[in-house]
Amino acid sequence: MTKGDTLPTETVSALIVAADSALALSLESMLYAHDFVPTIHDPGLGLLSLPLGADTHLIVDFKLLSPDPGAFLSVVRKTGWRGAAVLMTERALGPKWTPLERCWTVEKPFVSANLLAVFREILSSP
């Protein structure tokens, strides 16, 4: 790890929801290695049962939020959740996609540096 690779000194929680368990486990390992506190949520348990703390960040497969990711995120925002959402996509979302508040997208396949760059941006945003 280089000097520029250090991440938060405070505890940052992240909830990972991915249909691919290998992807979820590798994200969990990468986040642990950079001082995050990740938890994997089985998408088979349903998304409305997500154990989102007010400031927990959500890393989720975009396809799991179909047909309307915006509607899903609006529902969980109404519960008091203030964390950021990182949507993992398999392709560019195109011009019809409207970015949501505190929502980032990362195209798969990605390297850990892509996701870490997104988290650096999240942590530096108000």
Protein backbone atom coordinates (compact mmCIF):
# COMPACT_ATOMS: atom_id res chain seq x y z
CA MET A 1 0.00 0.00 0.00
CA THR A 2 1.35 3.42 -0.88
CA LYS A 3 0.91 6.59 1.14
CA GLY A 4 -1.97 7.72 -1.12
CA ASP A 5 -3.81 4.43 -0.53
CA THR A 6 -4.65 5.05 3.10
CA LEU A 7 -8.32 5.41 3.80
CA PRO A 8 -10.47 6.50 6.70
CA THR A 9 -9.25 6.73 10.25
CA GLU A 10 -12.85 6.57 11.53
CA THR A 11 -14.97 3.45 11.18
CA VAL A 12 -16.88 3.33 7.91
CA SER A 13 -19.50 0.62 7.49
CA ALA A 14 -20.45 -0.83 4.12
CA LEU A 15 -23.18 -3.29 3.28
CA ILE A 16 -22.47 -5.45 0.21
CA VAL A 17 -25.36 -6.95 -1.78
CA ALA A 18 -24.25 -8.95 -4.80
CA ALA A 19 -25.78 -11.88 -6.66
CA ASP A 20 -22.26 -13.26 -7.19
CA SER A 21 -20.98 -14.56 -3.84
CA ALA A 22 -17.35 -14.60 -5.06
CA LEU A 23 -17.64 -10.90 -5.91
CA ALA A 24 -19.19 -10.15 -2.52
CA LEU A 25 -16.40 -12.01 -0.70
CA SER A 26 -13.64 -10.29 -2.66
CA LEU A 27 -15.22 -6.87 -2.00
CA GLU A 28 -15.48 -7.73 1.67
CA SER A 29 -11.78 -8.69 1.79
CA MET A 30 -10.70 -5.56 -0.08
CA LEU A 31 -12.73 -3.30 2.20
CA TYR A 32 -11.40 -5.00 5.36
CA ALA A 33 -7.88 -4.48 4.06
CA HIS A 34 -8.59 -0.74 3.83
CA ASP A 35 -10.09 -0.35 7.31
CA PHE A 36 -13.78 -0.46 6.40
CA VAL A 37 -16.27 -2.60 8.28
CA PRO A 38 -18.07 -4.54 5.52
CA THR A 39 -21.03 -6.87 5.89
CA ILE A 40 -22.46 -9.11 3.18
CA HIS A 41 -26.26 -9.28 2.82
CA ASP A 42 -27.74 -12.25 0.98
CA PRO A 43 -29.97 -10.82 -1.77
CA GLY A 44 -32.20 -13.89 -1.36
CA LEU A 45 -33.34 -12.41 1.97
CA GLY A 46 -34.87 -9.47 0.14
CA LEU A 47 -33.73 -5.91 -0.15
CA LEU A 48 -36.33 -4.37 2.12
CA SER A 49 -34.76 -6.24 5.04
CA LEU A 50 -31.37 -4.59 4.56
CA PRO A 51 -29.79 -3.83 7.94
CA LEU A 52 -28.82 -0.27 6.94
CA GLY A 53 -27.58 1.90 9.77
CA ALA A 54 -28.14 5.62 9.20
CA ASP A 55 -24.60 6.14 7.87
CA THR A 56 -23.88 2.69 6.42
CA HIS A 57 -22.83 2.76 2.77
CA LEU A 58 -24.56 0.38 0.37
CA ILE A 59 -22.67 -1.44 -2.39
CA VAL A 60 -25.21 -3.24 -4.55
CA ASP A 61 -25.57 -4.92 -7.94
CA PHE A 62 -27.61 -2.54 -10.08
CA LYS A 63 -29.56 -5.47 -11.55
CA LEU A 64 -30.85 -6.41 -8.08
CA LEU A 65 -32.62 -3.05 -7.93
CA SER A 66 -34.56 -3.56 -11.17
CA PRO A 67 -36.81 -2.27 -12.51
CA ASP A 68 -36.36 1.07 -10.71
CA PRO A 69 -33.26 1.68 -8.58
CA GLY A 70 -34.36 5.25 -7.91
CA ALA A 71 -37.65 4.13 -6.37
CA PHE A 72 -35.88 1.59 -4.15
CA LEU A 73 -33.34 4.14 -2.93
CA SER A 74 -36.11 6.67 -2.27
CA VAL A 75 -37.91 4.14 -0.08
CA VAL A 76 -34.83 3.42 2.04
CA ARG A 77 -33.99 7.14 2.28
CA LYS A 78 -37.39 7.64 3.94
CA THR A 79 -36.27 5.32 6.75
CA GLY A 80 -33.56 7.81 7.75
CA TRP A 81 -30.72 6.17 5.86
CA ARG A 82 -28.09 8.80 4.92
CA GLY A 83 -25.33 6.57 3.59
CA ALA A 84 -24.02 6.54 0.05
CA ALA A 85 -25.08 4.04 -2.59
CA VAL A 86 -22.54 2.48 -4.94
CA LEU A 87 -24.28 0.71 -7.81
CA MET A 88 -22.22 -1.95 -9.59
CA THR A 89 -23.20 -2.10 -13.25
CA GLU A 90 -22.19 -4.35 -16.13
CA ARG A 91 -22.29 -1.55 -18.69
CA ALA A 92 -22.57 2.21 -18.91
CA LEU A 93 -26.03 3.32 -17.83
CA GLY A 94 -26.55 5.71 -20.73
CA PRO A 95 -28.15 9.12 -21.04
CA LYS A 96 -31.53 8.12 -19.53
CA TRP A 97 -29.93 7.40 -16.16
CA THR A 98 -30.39 10.26 -13.73
CA PRO A 99 -27.84 10.22 -10.92
CA LEU A 100 -29.41 10.15 -7.48
CA GLU A 101 -28.25 12.02 -4.40
CA ARG A 102 -25.19 10.38 -2.83
CA CYS A 103 -25.20 7.67 -5.48
CA TRP A 104 -22.23 6.53 -7.54
CA THR A 105 -21.85 3.88 -10.22
CA VAL A 106 -18.91 1.56 -10.84
CA GLU A 107 -18.73 -0.54 -14.02
CA LYS A 108 -17.79 -4.20 -13.68
CA PRO A 109 -15.28 -5.60 -14.11
CA PHE A 110 -13.38 -3.21 -11.93
CA VAL A 111 -10.20 -3.33 -9.96
CA SER A 112 -10.13 -2.51 -6.29
CA ALA A 113 -8.65 0.90 -7.12
CA ASN A 114 -11.91 1.86 -8.89
CA LEU A 115 -14.02 1.17 -5.83
CA LEU A 116 -11.49 2.77 -3.49
CA ALA A 117 -11.54 5.92 -5.64
CA VAL A 118 -15.33 6.02 -5.32
CA PHE A 119 -15.08 5.65 -1.55
CA ARG A 120 -12.51 8.44 -1.35
CA GLU A 121 -14.97 10.66 -3.23
CA ILE A 122 -17.83 9.62 -0.94
CA LEU A 123 -15.82 10.33 2.20
CA SER A 124 -14.80 13.75 0.96
CA SER A 125 -18.36 14.79 -0.03
CA PRO A 126 -20.70 16.50 2.46
